[in-house]
Amino acid sequence: MADLRSPPRERLIAALVPDTAARRPPPARLPTLPASPLPDRTGPELLIETSRIDRAGRVHARALLRALGWQPGQRLALDTVGGMIVLAPDELGWYRIDGRCGVTLPAAARRMCGIDPGPPLVLAAAVADQLLVVHPVGTVARLLAGHYRDLIGARA
């Protein structure tokens, strides 16, 4: 006779659900991306423009794209380097210039670089290197503050 006070001892679940933890494959290794080249400081002058990111994560820089020779439909590779987003032409790139000369910056890249909607962005086009570099304005402000500190310190 079964004891009504003790819980039932069924083992049906273990028979129906296989133990997958023992057979789990090792995690796949992520590919290592090649380092993105940044413009050479001794190269040609950089073209600079400011822009704001829209709600869809797009930034528009018609004059810079024209100077780079990039047209709507141009495929681009995107990388983040030192808090900046670097764009370069790439036939297999995932990103494209849209019909209004806008480039969508993915949310993950924006978060990595501290880019939020609202504050302006500083865009630099290195025509000879075929690069467009997107800087958050805070990064540029810090660089200028350090430069001004160095200048004031040199005069004192």
Protein backbone atom coordinates (compact mmCIF):
# COMPACT_ATOMS: atom_id res chain seq x y z
CA MET A 1 0.00 0.00 0.00
CA ALA A 2 1.40 3.44 -0.96
CA ASP A 3 2.01 6.10 1.65
CA LEU A 4 -0.18 9.13 0.79
CA ARG A 5 2.07 11.58 2.69
CA SER A 6 5.24 11.01 0.63
CA PRO A 7 5.66 12.74 -2.78
CA PRO A 8 5.47 10.54 -5.87
CA ARG A 9 8.81 9.34 -7.23
CA GLU A 10 8.44 9.54 -10.98
CA ARG A 11 11.50 9.60 -13.19
CA LEU A 12 9.65 10.03 -16.45
CA ILE A 13 11.12 13.51 -17.22
CA ALA A 14 14.72 12.28 -17.17
CA ALA A 15 13.80 9.55 -19.62
CA LEU A 16 12.20 12.00 -22.08
CA VAL A 17 14.69 14.90 -21.87
CA PRO A 18 18.21 13.91 -22.87
CA ASP A 19 21.17 15.28 -20.97
CA THR A 20 22.66 17.77 -23.47
CA ALA A 21 25.19 19.32 -21.08
CA ALA A 22 27.59 16.43 -21.54
CA ARG A 23 27.47 16.67 -25.36
CA ARG A 24 27.62 20.47 -25.76
CA PRO A 25 30.20 21.50 -28.37
CA PRO A 26 32.92 23.97 -27.35
CA PRO A 27 32.11 27.63 -28.09
CA ALA A 28 33.13 28.85 -31.52
CA ARG A 29 36.08 31.23 -31.69
CA LEU A 30 35.24 34.70 -32.93
CA PRO A 31 37.17 35.83 -35.99
CA THR A 32 39.81 38.45 -35.45
CA LEU A 33 39.14 41.54 -37.53
CA PRO A 34 42.04 43.25 -39.25
CA ALA A 35 43.08 46.52 -37.65
CA SER A 36 41.46 49.50 -39.35
CA PRO A 37 43.94 52.00 -40.70
CA LEU A 38 43.51 55.52 -39.40
CA PRO A 39 44.43 58.56 -41.48
CA ASP A 40 48.12 59.41 -41.53
CA ARG A 41 48.82 62.67 -39.69
CA THR A 42 51.40 63.62 -42.31
CA GLY A 43 48.99 62.98 -45.18
CA PRO A 44 46.60 65.40 -46.82
CA GLU A 45 44.42 67.71 -44.84
CA LEU A 46 41.31 66.18 -43.32
CA LEU A 47 37.92 67.54 -44.26
CA ILE A 48 35.79 68.17 -41.16
CA GLU A 49 32.03 68.48 -40.74
CA THR A 50 29.56 68.21 -37.88
CA SER A 51 26.29 66.34 -38.01
CA ARG A 52 23.66 64.93 -35.70
CA ILE A 53 22.44 61.37 -35.67
CA ASP A 54 18.74 60.90 -36.42
CA ARG A 55 16.27 58.59 -34.65
CA ALA A 56 17.05 55.73 -37.04
CA GLY A 57 20.77 55.91 -36.25
CA ARG A 58 21.68 57.59 -39.54
CA VAL A 59 24.23 60.33 -39.97
CA HIS A 60 24.20 62.55 -43.07
CA ALA A 61 27.38 64.02 -44.50
CA ARG A 62 26.65 64.82 -48.14
CA ALA A 63 29.65 67.13 -48.68
CA LEU A 64 32.14 64.67 -47.15
CA LEU A 65 30.73 61.72 -49.08
CA ARG A 66 30.95 63.76 -52.29
CA ALA A 67 34.58 64.65 -51.52
CA LEU A 68 35.34 60.96 -50.93
CA GLY A 69 33.64 60.08 -54.23
CA TRP A 70 31.13 57.81 -52.48
CA GLN A 71 27.70 57.52 -54.09
CA PRO A 72 24.35 56.19 -52.81
CA GLY A 73 24.49 52.39 -52.82
CA GLN A 74 28.22 52.35 -52.01
CA ARG A 75 28.99 49.40 -49.72
CA LEU A 76 31.03 50.16 -46.63
CA ALA A 77 32.93 48.28 -43.95
CA LEU A 78 32.55 49.64 -40.42
CA ASP A 79 34.86 49.23 -37.44
CA THR A 80 35.28 50.86 -34.04
CA VAL A 81 38.74 52.07 -33.08
CA GLY A 82 39.55 53.97 -29.88
CA GLY A 83 36.04 55.31 -29.36
CA MET A 84 35.59 56.26 -33.04
CA ILE A 85 33.64 54.66 -35.86
CA VAL A 86 35.69 54.18 -39.02
CA LEU A 87 33.99 53.63 -42.39
CA ALA A 88 35.78 52.51 -45.56
CA PRO A 89 34.63 51.29 -48.99
CA ASP A 90 34.29 47.53 -49.18
CA GLU A 91 32.62 45.53 -51.97
CA LEU A 92 31.41 42.99 -49.39
CA GLY A 93 30.52 45.55 -46.69
CA TRP A 94 27.28 45.17 -44.76
CA TYR A 95 26.51 48.89 -44.72
CA ARG A 96 25.43 51.12 -47.59
CA ILE A 97 25.01 54.80 -48.27
CA ASP A 98 21.30 55.44 -48.66
CA GLY A 99 19.63 57.58 -51.32
CA ARG A 100 19.80 60.73 -49.14
CA CYS A 101 23.55 60.33 -48.50
CA GLY A 102 23.02 58.92 -45.03
CA VAL A 103 24.93 56.12 -43.36
CA THR A 104 23.28 54.02 -40.67
CA LEU A 105 25.55 53.52 -37.68
CA PRO A 106 24.58 50.31 -35.85
CA ALA A 107 23.41 50.65 -32.25
CA ALA A 108 26.17 48.38 -30.92
CA ALA A 109 28.89 50.53 -32.52
CA ARG A 110 27.22 53.72 -31.23
CA ARG A 111 27.12 52.32 -27.70
CA MET A 112 30.76 51.23 -27.87
CA CYS A 113 31.78 54.75 -28.87
CA GLY A 114 29.45 56.67 -26.55
CA ILE A 115 27.40 58.15 -29.38
CA ASP A 116 23.92 59.22 -28.31
CA PRO A 117 21.19 61.00 -30.26
CA GLY A 118 21.28 64.72 -29.58
CA PRO A 119 24.88 65.89 -29.24
CA PRO A 120 26.63 66.63 -32.54
CA LEU A 121 29.20 64.33 -34.06
CA VAL A 122 32.47 65.43 -35.63
CA LEU A 123 33.08 63.71 -38.97
CA ALA A 124 36.50 63.64 -40.59
CA ALA A 125 37.06 62.52 -44.19
CA ALA A 126 40.55 61.47 -45.25
CA VAL A 127 40.13 61.56 -49.02
CA ALA A 128 43.50 60.01 -49.89
CA ASP A 129 42.94 57.16 -47.43
CA GLN A 130 39.25 56.75 -48.40
CA LEU A 131 38.12 56.83 -44.77
CA LEU A 132 35.30 58.53 -42.92
CA VAL A 133 35.86 58.74 -39.17
CA VAL A 134 32.96 59.52 -36.84
CA HIS A 135 33.90 61.08 -33.49
CA PRO A 136 31.57 61.77 -30.57
CA VAL A 137 31.83 65.46 -29.70
CA GLY A 138 32.96 64.59 -26.15
CA THR A 139 36.09 62.90 -27.52
CA VAL A 140 36.96 65.97 -29.59
CA ALA A 141 36.34 68.25 -26.61
CA ARG A 142 38.73 66.17 -24.46
CA LEU A 143 41.39 66.24 -27.19
CA LEU A 144 41.09 70.02 -27.52
CA ALA A 145 41.19 70.51 -23.74
CA GLY A 146 44.42 68.50 -23.57
CA HIS A 147 45.89 70.48 -26.46
CA TYR A 148 44.98 73.79 -24.78
CA ARG A 149 46.46 72.58 -21.48
CA ASP A 150 49.71 71.75 -23.30
CA LEU A 151 49.78 75.19 -24.95
CA ILE A 152 49.13 77.04 -21.70
CA GLY A 153 51.68 74.90 -19.88
CA ALA A 154 54.31 75.61 -22.56
CA ARG A 155 53.84 79.39 -22.17
CA ALA A 156 53.95 79.41 -18.36
